[in-house]
């Protein structure tokens, strides 16, 4: 296992990290085994090859030229190299944050009873930390850690009377409150997505405490407070507006990961409102997507997830922003993962043409969309059915619905989506066959909870 892990781990590093790791491995402080150095050199030299090509008899002969092949020896050296690389990665994380380094240095000076060094370093650490632009949960956690170390040092110094206990207590409270609000948002968001019921613990108490004690003056507290409020109550438009304003005004306080989460919390609120019929929230959702694109928060390994690509197009089309959507479809095509690029590009361009009533160009594009992604294939088949219906191509529509129904019944990984699309097929067939009782079909449709394209079906019944 170590042999696979270590090579794959090294291959995942950037070229700059490889250069730095080379120095790390050669340092006797971190590695005293010559064979470990030689193993890393061999892997580094053969980075363009596969794991199986790197790890084999040739490698063994390089490290043990005059010995009979005994792969266990190679596994043993690989394990040592893995430990060195893991130490390098941990060191990199520590080195990347000056406050982390400062906190550890303060601990050392306190342990060695070097009071002068401690307080001069403390002043420097506090100053550097206060100048940080990012004010996320880690920022406040580090303030709490600094105050904790300071209290400990002051209590051992007989000359000091003020132990800064109040400052430590306040910093500890603030750090805890921010982390608890953040965790509460994750619980509430996942609760909605997975239908899981969580015990929210102190969250309601902390929400009230923030409101009663002026903690909403801290933008980091406030943004997670309002996010937790909207996720707790999908009728709280006041909190949603406050959340939206903070996202606009204070976005620079948060790292990419946190900004992504906060945008998702706000989007979840919009989706709930849209599902309840409040169409004005389509504009809110579209603006959030635009904000997220501008910040680069939706990208994963420089790629835009296909679902996000779809959602942005969908929200823009619902608003009639055809020109903006068309620019987005083409401009972000190359940001889609290569294996899904053509399918999602063709589908979304076809969807745009459909909205513009350009069925001639839309249909050929839909027929190019593959079935690798089962849910996306179903959405594609649904859009094709809508076009056949609107073009009054009854025979083609009938055959397509039969084929679509068979496809759904064969698939077992669609979950509740299967029922959603089967209900769509059922109602399209009813509208075709029972066109003289639209009121009855409409009532049945309104009473059915999960139906794909319910609004479109109701519109066809009105016609």
Foldseek 3Di string as FASTA:
>chain_A
DLLQVLLVVLLPDDPVLLVVLLVLCPDCVLHDDPLLNVLSVQSVVPSVDDSVVSDDDVSVCSSVVPDDDDCVVVVVSSVSNVVSVVVSVVVVVCVVDPLSVLLVVLVVCLVVVVVVVNVVSLVVSVVVLVPDQAQALVSLVSQLSSLVSQLVSQVVDPVHDDSCPVVNVVSVVLSVLLVLLVVLLVQLLVCVVPVDDDDSPCLVVSLVVCVVPVVCVPLSNLLSSLLSVCSVPLVCVVSLVVNVVSCVVRVSNHDLQVNLSSLVSSLVSLVVCVLVPPLVSLVVNLVSLVSNVVVVSQADPQAHELVSLVSNLVSCLVVVVLVVSVCSLVVRLVRHPPVCSLQSSLQSVLVSCVSVVNNVSNVVSLVPHDCPPVLSVLVSLLSVLVNCVVVVVVVVNVVSLVVSLVSLVVDDPPPCVSVQSVVQSVLVVCCVPVVVPLVVSLVVLVPDSHHPPSVVSNVVSVD
